[in-house]
Amino acid sequence: MPAFNSYDLENNYSWTRTLKDDLKLSGEPDGSEFDNKEGNEMLYMINKLMKNLNVTRVLDGQKLERMLTLYPANYRTQAHVEKWVIDNWGRYDAHA
């Protein structure tokens, strides 16, 4: 599956984390706090979710990007945010 890349993103992000040095950006989503303002963390979550949802289109990745900016404030960890997105994937209107 092709990766969703930074040029596919619709919004602007901070790019302070490096992929090779940050354990939050590898493995499976976990109890680490999710930062939806950080570009590499957004790309990590979008690509993980695309794989878990078995979707491949850039439009699907952009829908995920929008969902990752709208999740409820009480969902703070990568694992909680991932679960919320998966649970709400079919209900979310990509054009809202």
N, C-alpha and C. Protein backbone atom coordinates (compact mmCIF):
# COMPACT_ATOMS: atom_id res chain seq x y z
N MET A 1 0.84 -1.17 0.00
CA MET A 1 0.00 0.00 0.00
C MET A 1 0.90 1.24 0.00
N PRO A 2 0.64 2.19 -0.89
CA PRO A 2 1.43 3.41 -0.90
C PRO A 2 1.20 4.22 0.37
N ALA A 3 2.24 4.89 0.80
CA ALA A 3 2.15 5.69 2.02
C ALA A 3 1.46 7.01 1.73
N PHE A 4 0.73 7.47 2.71
CA PHE A 4 0.16 8.82 2.70
C PHE A 4 1.30 9.74 3.11
N ASN A 5 1.60 10.75 2.32
CA ASN A 5 2.78 11.58 2.51
C ASN A 5 2.42 13.01 2.93
N SER A 6 3.43 13.76 3.30
CA SER A 6 3.22 15.13 3.77
C SER A 6 2.55 16.00 2.71
N TYR A 7 2.83 15.76 1.44
CA TYR A 7 2.20 16.57 0.39
C TYR A 7 0.73 16.23 0.19
N ASP A 8 0.25 15.14 0.81
CA ASP A 8 -1.17 14.78 0.75
C ASP A 8 -1.99 15.47 1.84
N LEU A 9 -1.31 16.02 2.84
CA LEU A 9 -2.00 16.67 3.96
C LEU A 9 -2.70 17.95 3.50
N GLU A 10 -3.84 18.23 4.09
CA GLU A 10 -4.59 19.44 3.76
C GLU A 10 -4.25 20.62 4.66
N ASN A 11 -3.71 20.37 5.83
CA ASN A 11 -3.43 21.42 6.81
C ASN A 11 -1.93 21.58 7.01
N ASN A 12 -1.55 22.63 7.72
CA ASN A 12 -0.15 22.89 8.05
C ASN A 12 0.14 22.38 9.45
N TYR A 13 1.34 21.84 9.64
CA TYR A 13 1.71 21.25 10.91
C TYR A 13 3.11 21.67 11.31
N SER A 14 3.41 21.49 12.58
CA SER A 14 4.76 21.64 13.11
C SER A 14 5.52 20.36 12.74
N TRP A 15 6.78 20.46 12.41
CA TRP A 15 7.59 19.30 12.03
C TRP A 15 8.80 19.19 12.95
N THR A 16 8.55 19.06 14.26
CA THR A 16 9.63 19.07 15.24
C THR A 16 10.16 17.69 15.58
N ARG A 17 9.38 16.66 15.39
CA ARG A 17 9.82 15.29 15.73
C ARG A 17 10.46 14.64 14.51
N THR A 18 11.45 13.80 14.79
CA THR A 18 12.05 13.03 13.70
C THR A 18 11.63 11.58 13.83
N LEU A 19 11.33 10.96 12.73
CA LEU A 19 10.82 9.60 12.73
C LEU A 19 11.77 8.61 13.37
N LYS A 20 13.05 8.70 13.09
CA LYS A 20 13.98 7.68 13.57
C LYS A 20 14.27 7.80 15.06
N ASP A 21 14.03 8.96 15.66
CA ASP A 21 14.38 9.18 17.05
C ASP A 21 13.20 9.11 18.01
N ASP A 22 11.99 9.07 17.53
CA ASP A 22 10.83 9.19 18.39
C ASP A 22 10.06 7.87 18.44
N LEU A 23 10.02 7.23 19.60
CA LEU A 23 9.31 5.97 19.75
C LEU A 23 7.80 6.11 19.59
N LYS A 24 7.27 7.34 19.74
CA LYS A 24 5.84 7.57 19.54
C LYS A 24 5.44 7.35 18.08
N LEU A 25 6.42 7.34 17.19
CA LEU A 25 6.13 7.27 15.77
C LEU A 25 6.49 5.92 15.17
N SER A 26 6.50 4.89 16.01
CA SER A 26 6.78 3.55 15.52
C SER A 26 5.93 2.55 16.30
N GLY A 27 5.85 1.35 15.80
CA GLY A 27 5.04 0.33 16.46
C GLY A 27 3.56 0.62 16.34
N GLU A 28 2.82 0.14 17.31
CA GLU A 28 1.37 0.32 17.31
C GLU A 28 0.99 1.51 18.19
N PRO A 29 -0.13 2.18 17.87
CA PRO A 29 -0.61 3.25 18.75
C PRO A 29 -0.76 2.73 20.17
N ASP A 30 -0.35 3.54 21.13
CA ASP A 30 -0.32 3.09 22.52
C ASP A 30 -0.82 4.19 23.45
N GLY A 31 -0.35 4.18 24.68
CA GLY A 31 -0.78 5.14 25.68
C GLY A 31 -0.09 6.48 25.61
N SER A 32 0.73 6.69 24.58
CA SER A 32 1.39 7.98 24.40
C SER A 32 0.36 9.03 24.04
N GLU A 33 0.55 10.25 24.57
CA GLU A 33 -0.37 11.33 24.24
C GLU A 33 -0.25 11.68 22.76
N PHE A 34 -1.38 11.85 22.11
CA PHE A 34 -1.42 12.16 20.68
C PHE A 34 -1.40 13.66 20.47
N ASP A 35 -0.55 14.12 19.57
CA ASP A 35 -0.42 15.54 19.24
C ASP A 35 -0.82 15.74 17.79
N ASN A 36 -2.04 16.22 17.57
CA ASN A 36 -2.53 16.39 16.19
C ASN A 36 -2.06 17.69 15.55
N LYS A 37 -1.14 18.36 16.18
CA LYS A 37 -0.54 19.56 15.59
C LYS A 37 0.84 19.26 15.00
N GLU A 38 1.34 18.04 15.22
CA GLU A 38 2.67 17.64 14.81
C GLU A 38 2.58 16.79 13.54
N GLY A 39 3.24 17.21 12.48
CA GLY A 39 3.11 16.57 11.18
C GLY A 39 3.51 15.12 11.14
N ASN A 40 4.66 14.77 11.71
CA ASN A 40 5.09 13.37 11.67
C ASN A 40 4.17 12.47 12.47
N GLU A 41 3.61 12.98 13.57
CA GLU A 41 2.66 12.18 14.34
C GLU A 41 1.36 11.99 13.57
N MET A 42 0.91 13.02 12.87
CA MET A 42 -0.29 12.89 12.03
C MET A 42 -0.06 11.87 10.92
N LEU A 43 1.07 11.95 10.25
CA LEU A 43 1.36 10.98 9.18
C LEU A 43 1.41 9.55 9.72
N TYR A 44 2.04 9.38 10.88
CA TYR A 44 2.11 8.06 11.51
C TYR A 44 0.71 7.52 11.75
N MET A 45 -0.17 8.33 12.37
CA MET A 45 -1.52 7.87 12.69
C MET A 45 -2.34 7.63 11.43
N ILE A 46 -2.24 8.52 10.47
CA ILE A 46 -3.01 8.35 9.22
C ILE A 46 -2.60 7.05 8.54
N ASN A 47 -1.31 6.80 8.42
CA ASN A 47 -0.85 5.57 7.76
C ASN A 47 -1.23 4.32 8.55
N LYS A 48 -1.16 4.35 9.88
CA LYS A 48 -1.60 3.22 10.70
C LYS A 48 -3.09 2.96 10.50
N LEU A 49 -3.88 4.04 10.54
CA LEU A 49 -5.32 3.89 10.38
C LEU A 49 -5.69 3.43 8.98
N MET A 50 -5.00 3.92 7.96
CA MET A 50 -5.29 3.46 6.60
C MET A 50 -5.06 1.96 6.49
N LYS A 51 -4.00 1.48 7.10
CA LYS A 51 -3.72 0.04 7.09
C LYS A 51 -4.79 -0.72 7.85
N ASN A 52 -5.14 -0.25 9.06
CA ASN A 52 -6.13 -0.94 9.88
C ASN A 52 -7.53 -0.93 9.27
N LEU A 53 -7.85 0.14 8.55
CA LEU A 53 -9.17 0.24 7.90
C LEU A 53 -9.17 -0.34 6.49
N ASN A 54 -7.99 -0.74 6.03
CA ASN A 54 -7.83 -1.32 4.69
C ASN A 54 -8.32 -0.37 3.60
N VAL A 55 -7.85 0.89 3.69
CA VAL A 55 -8.16 1.89 2.67
C VAL A 55 -6.85 2.39 2.08
N THR A 56 -6.90 2.82 0.83
CA THR A 56 -5.65 3.17 0.14
C THR A 56 -5.68 4.52 -0.56
N ARG A 57 -6.84 5.12 -0.73
CA ARG A 57 -6.91 6.36 -1.50
C ARG A 57 -6.45 7.56 -0.69
N VAL A 58 -5.87 8.53 -1.37
CA VAL A 58 -5.47 9.78 -0.73
C VAL A 58 -6.69 10.44 -0.09
N LEU A 59 -7.84 10.37 -0.74
CA LEU A 59 -9.06 10.95 -0.17
C LEU A 59 -9.42 10.31 1.16
N ASP A 60 -9.16 9.01 1.31
CA ASP A 60 -9.39 8.34 2.59
C ASP A 60 -8.44 8.88 3.65
N GLY A 61 -7.18 9.08 3.28
CA GLY A 61 -6.20 9.65 4.20
C GLY A 61 -6.58 11.06 4.62
N GLN A 62 -7.11 11.83 3.69
CA GLN A 62 -7.54 13.19 4.00
C GLN A 62 -8.77 13.19 4.89
N LYS A 63 -9.65 12.21 4.71
CA LYS A 63 -10.79 12.06 5.62
C LYS A 63 -10.27 11.76 7.02
N LEU A 64 -9.29 10.87 7.12
CA LEU A 64 -8.69 10.55 8.42
C LEU A 64 -8.05 11.80 9.03
N GLU A 65 -7.37 12.58 8.21
CA GLU A 65 -6.76 13.81 8.71
C GLU A 65 -7.82 14.71 9.34
N ARG A 66 -8.96 14.88 8.68
CA ARG A 66 -10.03 15.71 9.23
C ARG A 66 -10.56 15.11 10.53
N MET A 67 -10.73 13.79 10.56
CA MET A 67 -11.21 13.15 11.78
C MET A 67 -10.22 13.32 12.92
N LEU A 68 -8.93 13.30 12.60
CA LEU A 68 -7.91 13.44 13.64
C LEU A 68 -7.80 14.86 14.18
N THR A 69 -8.51 15.78 13.57
CA THR A 69 -8.56 17.14 14.13
C THR A 69 -9.87 17.38 14.87
N LEU A 70 -10.81 16.42 14.83
CA LEU A 70 -12.14 16.61 15.40
C LEU A 70 -12.50 15.66 16.54
N TYR A 71 -11.60 14.76 16.89
CA TYR A 71 -11.96 13.79 17.92
C TYR A 71 -12.25 14.48 19.25
N PRO A 72 -13.04 13.87 20.12
CA PRO A 72 -13.40 14.49 21.40
C PRO A 72 -12.17 14.79 22.27
N ALA A 73 -12.23 15.88 22.99
CA ALA A 73 -11.08 16.34 23.78
C ALA A 73 -10.67 15.35 24.87
N ASN A 74 -11.59 14.53 25.35
CA ASN A 74 -11.24 13.58 26.40
C ASN A 74 -10.47 12.37 25.88
N TYR A 75 -10.30 12.25 24.58
CA TYR A 75 -9.48 11.20 23.97
C TYR A 75 -8.09 11.79 23.77
N ARG A 76 -7.13 11.37 24.59
CA ARG A 76 -5.82 12.00 24.56
C ARG A 76 -4.70 11.09 24.06
N THR A 77 -4.85 9.79 24.17
CA THR A 77 -3.76 8.89 23.79
C THR A 77 -3.93 8.41 22.35
N GLN A 78 -2.83 7.95 21.79
CA GLN A 78 -2.88 7.41 20.43
C GLN A 78 -3.90 6.27 20.34
N ALA A 79 -3.89 5.38 21.32
CA ALA A 79 -4.80 4.23 21.29
C ALA A 79 -6.26 4.65 21.37
N HIS A 80 -6.57 5.63 22.23
CA HIS A 80 -7.96 6.10 22.34
C HIS A 80 -8.41 6.80 21.06
N VAL A 81 -7.54 7.62 20.50
CA VAL A 81 -7.88 8.33 19.27
C VAL A 81 -8.07 7.32 18.13
N GLU A 82 -7.18 6.34 18.04
CA GLU A 82 -7.31 5.30 17.01
C GLU A 82 -8.66 4.59 17.14
N LYS A 83 -9.03 4.20 18.34
CA LYS A 83 -10.31 3.51 18.56
C LYS A 83 -11.48 4.40 18.16
N TRP A 84 -11.44 5.69 18.55
CA TRP A 84 -12.53 6.60 18.20
C TRP A 84 -12.68 6.72 16.68
N VAL A 85 -11.56 6.85 15.98
CA VAL A 85 -11.63 6.97 14.51
C VAL A 85 -12.20 5.71 13.90
N ILE A 86 -11.72 4.54 14.32
CA ILE A 86 -12.23 3.28 13.76
C ILE A 86 -13.72 3.13 14.06
N ASP A 87 -14.12 3.44 15.29
CA ASP A 87 -15.54 3.32 15.66
C ASP A 87 -16.43 4.28 14.89
N ASN A 88 -15.90 5.41 14.47
CA ASN A 88 -16.71 6.45 13.81
C ASN A 88 -16.45 6.58 12.31
N TRP A 89 -15.58 5.76 11.74
CA TRP A 89 -15.20 5.85 10.34
C TRP A 89 -16.42 5.87 9.41
N GLY A 90 -17.33 4.96 9.58
CA GLY A 90 -18.49 4.84 8.70
C GLY A 90 -19.54 5.93 8.91
N ARG A 91 -19.50 6.59 10.06
CA ARG A 91 -20.48 7.62 10.37
C ARG A 91 -20.02 9.02 10.01
N TYR A 92 -18.75 9.19 9.76
CA TYR A 92 -18.20 10.52 9.53
C TYR A 92 -18.36 10.93 8.08
N ASP A 93 -18.95 12.08 7.84
CA ASP A 93 -19.12 12.62 6.49
C ASP A 93 -17.84 13.34 6.11
N ALA A 94 -17.13 12.85 5.13
CA ALA A 94 -15.84 13.41 4.72
C ALA A 94 -15.95 14.83 4.22
N HIS A 95 -17.13 15.26 3.84
CA HIS A 95 -17.30 16.60 3.27
C HIS A 95 -17.92 17.59 4.24
N ALA A 96 -18.05 17.16 5.50
CA ALA A 96 -18.67 18.05 6.51
C ALA A 96 -17.75 19.19 6.88
